[in-house]
Structures are given as structure tokens and as C-alpha cells.
N, C-alpha and C. Protein backbone atom coordinates (compact mmCIF):
# COMPACT_ATOMS: atom_id res chain seq x y z
N UNK A 1 -19.30 -7.82 24.33
CA UNK A 1 -19.06 -7.30 23.00
C UNK A 1 -20.22 -6.43 22.53
N UNK A 2 -21.41 -6.70 23.03
CA UNK A 2 -22.57 -5.90 22.62
C UNK A 2 -22.40 -4.43 23.03
N UNK A 3 -21.80 -4.20 24.19
CA UNK A 3 -21.56 -2.82 24.63
C UNK A 3 -20.59 -2.12 23.70
N UNK A 4 -19.52 -2.80 23.33
CA UNK A 4 -18.55 -2.20 22.41
C UNK A 4 -19.17 -1.96 21.04
N UNK A 5 -20.05 -2.86 20.61
CA UNK A 5 -20.73 -2.67 19.34
C UNK A 5 -21.58 -1.40 19.39
N UNK A 6 -22.34 -1.22 20.45
CA UNK A 6 -23.19 -0.04 20.59
C UNK A 6 -22.35 1.23 20.67
N UNK A 7 -21.37 1.25 21.55
CA UNK A 7 -20.57 2.45 21.74
C UNK A 7 -19.68 2.78 20.55
N UNK A 8 -19.39 1.77 19.73
CA UNK A 8 -18.57 1.98 18.56
C UNK A 8 -19.32 2.56 17.37
N UNK A 9 -20.62 2.66 17.49
CA UNK A 9 -21.41 3.25 16.40
C UNK A 9 -21.17 4.75 16.34
N UNK A 10 -21.19 5.26 15.12
CA UNK A 10 -20.92 6.67 14.89
C UNK A 10 -21.78 7.55 15.80
N UNK A 11 -21.14 8.34 16.63
CA UNK A 11 -21.74 9.31 17.54
C UNK A 11 -22.38 8.72 18.80
N UNK A 12 -22.41 7.43 18.98
CA UNK A 12 -23.06 6.87 20.17
C UNK A 12 -22.39 7.35 21.45
N UNK A 13 -21.07 7.21 21.51
CA UNK A 13 -20.36 7.64 22.71
C UNK A 13 -20.41 9.16 22.85
N UNK A 14 -20.39 9.87 21.73
CA UNK A 14 -20.46 11.33 21.78
C UNK A 14 -21.78 11.82 22.35
N UNK A 15 -22.87 11.17 21.99
CA UNK A 15 -24.18 11.56 22.51
C UNK A 15 -24.25 11.28 24.00
N UNK A 16 -23.81 10.10 24.40
CA UNK A 16 -23.81 9.74 25.82
C UNK A 16 -22.93 10.69 26.61
N UNK A 17 -21.76 10.96 26.12
CA UNK A 17 -20.80 11.86 26.78
C UNK A 17 -21.40 13.25 26.92
N UNK A 18 -21.96 13.77 25.84
CA UNK A 18 -22.52 15.12 25.85
C UNK A 18 -23.68 15.24 26.82
N UNK A 19 -24.56 14.28 26.83
CA UNK A 19 -25.69 14.32 27.78
C UNK A 19 -25.20 14.32 29.23
N UNK A 20 -24.14 13.59 29.50
CA UNK A 20 -23.59 13.59 30.85
C UNK A 20 -22.94 14.92 31.19
N UNK A 21 -22.34 15.55 30.21
CA UNK A 21 -21.66 16.82 30.45
C UNK A 21 -22.64 17.99 30.61
N UNK A 22 -23.71 18.02 29.80
CA UNK A 22 -24.60 19.19 29.82
C UNK A 22 -25.90 18.94 30.58
N UNK A 23 -26.17 17.69 30.91
CA UNK A 23 -27.40 17.38 31.63
C UNK A 23 -28.58 17.24 30.68
N UNK A 24 -29.79 17.13 31.24
CA UNK A 24 -30.98 16.96 30.40
C UNK A 24 -31.02 17.99 29.28
N UNK A 25 -31.41 17.54 28.12
CA UNK A 25 -31.31 18.39 26.95
C UNK A 25 -32.41 18.08 25.94
N UNK A 26 -32.86 19.12 25.27
CA UNK A 26 -33.78 18.93 24.16
C UNK A 26 -33.02 18.36 22.97
N UNK A 27 -33.76 17.83 22.03
CA UNK A 27 -33.15 17.28 20.82
C UNK A 27 -32.32 18.36 20.12
N UNK A 28 -32.87 19.55 19.99
CA UNK A 28 -32.20 20.65 19.29
C UNK A 28 -30.90 21.05 19.99
N UNK A 29 -30.96 21.19 21.30
CA UNK A 29 -29.74 21.58 22.03
C UNK A 29 -28.68 20.50 21.92
N UNK A 30 -29.10 19.25 22.03
CA UNK A 30 -28.15 18.16 21.91
C UNK A 30 -27.52 18.15 20.52
N UNK A 31 -28.31 18.39 19.51
CA UNK A 31 -27.77 18.46 18.14
C UNK A 31 -26.77 19.61 18.03
N UNK A 32 -27.09 20.76 18.60
CA UNK A 32 -26.17 21.90 18.56
C UNK A 32 -24.86 21.59 19.29
N UNK A 33 -24.97 20.94 20.43
CA UNK A 33 -23.78 20.61 21.23
C UNK A 33 -22.90 19.59 20.51
N UNK A 34 -23.50 18.69 19.77
CA UNK A 34 -22.73 17.67 19.04
C UNK A 34 -22.23 18.20 17.70
N UNK A 35 -22.62 19.38 17.34
CA UNK A 35 -22.17 20.13 16.16
C UNK A 35 -22.40 19.46 14.82
N UNK A 36 -21.67 18.41 14.49
CA UNK A 36 -21.74 17.87 13.13
C UNK A 36 -22.68 16.68 12.98
N UNK A 37 -23.41 16.33 14.02
CA UNK A 37 -24.30 15.17 13.94
C UNK A 37 -25.56 15.53 13.15
N UNK A 38 -25.98 14.63 12.29
CA UNK A 38 -27.21 14.87 11.52
C UNK A 38 -28.41 14.54 12.40
N UNK A 39 -29.56 15.14 12.13
CA UNK A 39 -30.76 14.82 12.90
C UNK A 39 -31.11 13.33 12.84
N UNK A 40 -30.93 12.72 11.68
CA UNK A 40 -31.26 11.29 11.54
C UNK A 40 -30.35 10.43 12.40
N UNK A 41 -29.06 10.75 12.42
CA UNK A 41 -28.12 9.99 13.24
C UNK A 41 -28.41 10.19 14.72
N UNK A 42 -28.67 11.43 15.13
CA UNK A 42 -28.98 11.70 16.53
C UNK A 42 -30.22 10.95 16.96
N UNK A 43 -31.25 10.99 16.15
CA UNK A 43 -32.49 10.28 16.46
C UNK A 43 -32.24 8.78 16.62
N UNK A 44 -31.46 8.21 15.70
CA UNK A 44 -31.17 6.78 15.75
C UNK A 44 -30.37 6.43 17.00
N UNK A 45 -29.34 7.22 17.31
CA UNK A 45 -28.51 6.93 18.49
C UNK A 45 -29.31 7.09 19.77
N UNK A 46 -30.15 8.10 19.85
CA UNK A 46 -30.98 8.26 21.05
C UNK A 46 -31.89 7.06 21.26
N UNK A 47 -32.47 6.57 20.18
CA UNK A 47 -33.33 5.39 20.30
C UNK A 47 -32.53 4.18 20.76
N UNK A 48 -31.35 3.98 20.17
CA UNK A 48 -30.52 2.84 20.56
C UNK A 48 -30.08 2.94 22.02
N UNK A 49 -29.69 4.13 22.44
CA UNK A 49 -29.25 4.33 23.82
C UNK A 49 -30.41 4.18 24.81
N UNK A 50 -31.61 4.53 24.37
CA UNK A 50 -32.79 4.31 25.22
C UNK A 50 -33.08 2.83 25.38
N UNK A 51 -33.05 2.09 24.28
CA UNK A 51 -33.31 0.64 24.32
C UNK A 51 -32.26 -0.04 25.21
N UNK A 52 -31.03 0.44 25.18
CA UNK A 52 -29.96 -0.15 25.98
C UNK A 52 -30.04 0.25 27.46
N UNK A 53 -30.89 1.24 27.77
CA UNK A 53 -31.06 1.64 29.16
C UNK A 53 -30.13 2.74 29.64
N UNK A 54 -29.43 3.41 28.71
CA UNK A 54 -28.49 4.45 29.09
C UNK A 54 -29.09 5.86 29.04
N UNK A 55 -30.16 6.02 28.29
CA UNK A 55 -30.80 7.32 28.10
C UNK A 55 -32.30 7.14 28.27
N UNK A 56 -32.97 8.18 28.74
CA UNK A 56 -34.43 8.14 28.84
C UNK A 56 -34.98 9.53 28.52
N UNK A 57 -36.27 9.55 28.22
CA UNK A 57 -36.95 10.83 28.00
C UNK A 57 -37.18 11.44 29.37
N UNK A 58 -36.87 12.71 29.50
CA UNK A 58 -37.02 13.42 30.76
C UNK A 58 -37.82 14.69 30.51
N UNK A 59 -38.14 15.38 31.59
CA UNK A 59 -38.90 16.62 31.47
C UNK A 59 -38.20 17.63 30.56
N UNK A 60 -36.87 17.69 30.63
CA UNK A 60 -36.12 18.63 29.81
C UNK A 60 -35.73 18.09 28.46
N UNK A 61 -36.24 16.95 28.07
CA UNK A 61 -35.90 16.34 26.79
C UNK A 61 -35.33 14.96 26.98
N UNK A 62 -34.03 14.83 26.86
CA UNK A 62 -33.34 13.55 27.04
C UNK A 62 -32.33 13.69 28.16
N UNK A 63 -32.13 12.61 28.89
CA UNK A 63 -31.16 12.59 29.99
C UNK A 63 -30.60 11.20 30.12
N UNK A 64 -29.47 11.10 30.78
CA UNK A 64 -28.90 9.79 31.03
C UNK A 64 -29.59 9.16 32.25
N UNK A 65 -29.66 7.87 32.23
CA UNK A 65 -30.18 7.12 33.36
C UNK A 65 -29.05 6.92 34.36
N UNK A 66 -29.35 6.32 35.47
CA UNK A 66 -28.30 6.00 36.44
C UNK A 66 -27.25 5.09 35.79
N UNK A 67 -27.72 4.15 34.99
CA UNK A 67 -26.81 3.26 34.28
C UNK A 67 -25.94 4.04 33.29
N UNK A 68 -26.53 5.01 32.61
CA UNK A 68 -25.79 5.85 31.67
C UNK A 68 -24.75 6.70 32.37
N UNK A 69 -25.07 7.20 33.55
CA UNK A 69 -24.11 7.99 34.33
C UNK A 69 -22.97 7.09 34.83
N UNK A 70 -23.31 5.87 35.23
CA UNK A 70 -22.29 4.93 35.67
C UNK A 70 -21.32 4.60 34.53
N UNK A 71 -21.87 4.36 33.35
CA UNK A 71 -21.02 4.08 32.19
C UNK A 71 -20.12 5.26 31.89
N UNK A 72 -20.66 6.47 31.92
CA UNK A 72 -19.87 7.67 31.67
C UNK A 72 -18.70 7.78 32.65
N UNK A 73 -18.97 7.54 33.92
CA UNK A 73 -17.91 7.62 34.93
C UNK A 73 -16.83 6.58 34.67
N UNK A 74 -17.22 5.45 34.15
CA UNK A 74 -16.23 4.42 33.83
C UNK A 74 -15.45 4.75 32.56
N UNK A 75 -16.05 5.55 31.67
CA UNK A 75 -15.39 5.93 30.42
C UNK A 75 -14.47 7.14 30.57
N UNK A 76 -14.71 7.95 31.60
CA UNK A 76 -13.91 9.16 31.78
C UNK A 76 -12.41 8.90 31.79
N UNK A 77 -11.92 7.87 32.49
CA UNK A 77 -10.47 7.60 32.42
C UNK A 77 -10.00 7.30 31.00
N UNK A 78 -10.84 6.67 30.20
CA UNK A 78 -10.49 6.42 28.81
C UNK A 78 -10.37 7.73 28.04
N UNK A 79 -11.21 8.70 28.38
CA UNK A 79 -11.12 10.02 27.77
C UNK A 79 -9.80 10.69 28.09
N UNK A 80 -9.37 10.57 29.34
CA UNK A 80 -8.08 11.14 29.74
C UNK A 80 -6.94 10.42 29.02
N UNK A 81 -7.03 9.10 28.92
CA UNK A 81 -6.01 8.35 28.21
C UNK A 81 -5.94 8.79 26.75
N UNK A 82 -7.09 9.03 26.13
CA UNK A 82 -7.09 9.42 24.72
C UNK A 82 -6.40 10.76 24.51
N UNK A 83 -6.52 11.66 25.48
CA UNK A 83 -5.82 12.95 25.39
C UNK A 83 -4.31 12.74 25.50
N UNK A 84 -3.89 11.87 26.41
CA UNK A 84 -2.47 11.54 26.54
C UNK A 84 -1.94 10.90 25.26
N UNK A 85 -2.73 10.02 24.69
CA UNK A 85 -2.34 9.35 23.44
C UNK A 85 -2.20 10.36 22.31
N UNK A 86 -3.14 11.29 22.23
CA UNK A 86 -3.08 12.32 21.18
C UNK A 86 -1.80 13.14 21.32
N UNK A 87 -1.44 13.49 22.56
CA UNK A 87 -0.20 14.23 22.76
C UNK A 87 1.01 13.38 22.34
N UNK A 88 0.96 12.11 22.67
CA UNK A 88 2.04 11.21 22.28
C UNK A 88 2.18 11.16 20.75
N UNK A 89 1.06 11.03 20.08
CA UNK A 89 1.09 10.97 18.61
C UNK A 89 1.60 12.26 17.99
N UNK A 90 1.27 13.39 18.59
CA UNK A 90 1.70 14.66 18.03
C UNK A 90 3.21 14.88 18.20
N UNK A 91 3.83 14.11 19.11
CA UNK A 91 5.28 14.24 19.34
C UNK A 91 6.08 13.26 18.50
N UNK A 92 5.43 12.42 17.71
CA UNK A 92 6.16 11.46 16.88
C UNK A 92 6.74 12.10 15.66
């Protein structure tokens, strides 16, 4: 349940997903890629994801750890399901 609590926080999964998609990133670039995230929220989520072992400071800024990449790969099917669900909802 602790994992679901962490990932359920506003923007937590979005930050993890984005870092996996774009690779190592500076704080500014990550904020731009996440578009509507506030600097305070991004800072808080990065700290939480670091403590959890999913993100670390890298030469290019922030990057996912091996554990963070593993989690992303496990979440990708859920992303595909969510797209299918959205299409289903739009047909109701």
C-alpha cells in the first residue's frame, strides 16, 4: 500500500513517467515537460521519489534508478489500459 500511496500523490507518477521517457533531466526541463506542475510540487515529488529509491541525482540533473526504470516498465501496460479505458468512456 505504501507504493500506491506514493504513486497516488499529485504528479508523482507523472514525474517518474516523464523522467523515464526523456531521460536524465534538469529541474527546469522536467518542469517544462510536466507543463502544469509547480516548482514546489516538483521539488517535493523529486525528494519523495529519491527517498523511495526511484530517482537519483545524476550528472544531467535527475534520472531514474534501475528500480525506477523497473517500476516504469511495470506501469506501461497500465498506461495502455488507461488509453483503452478513455476510448471506452468516450463511446458511452
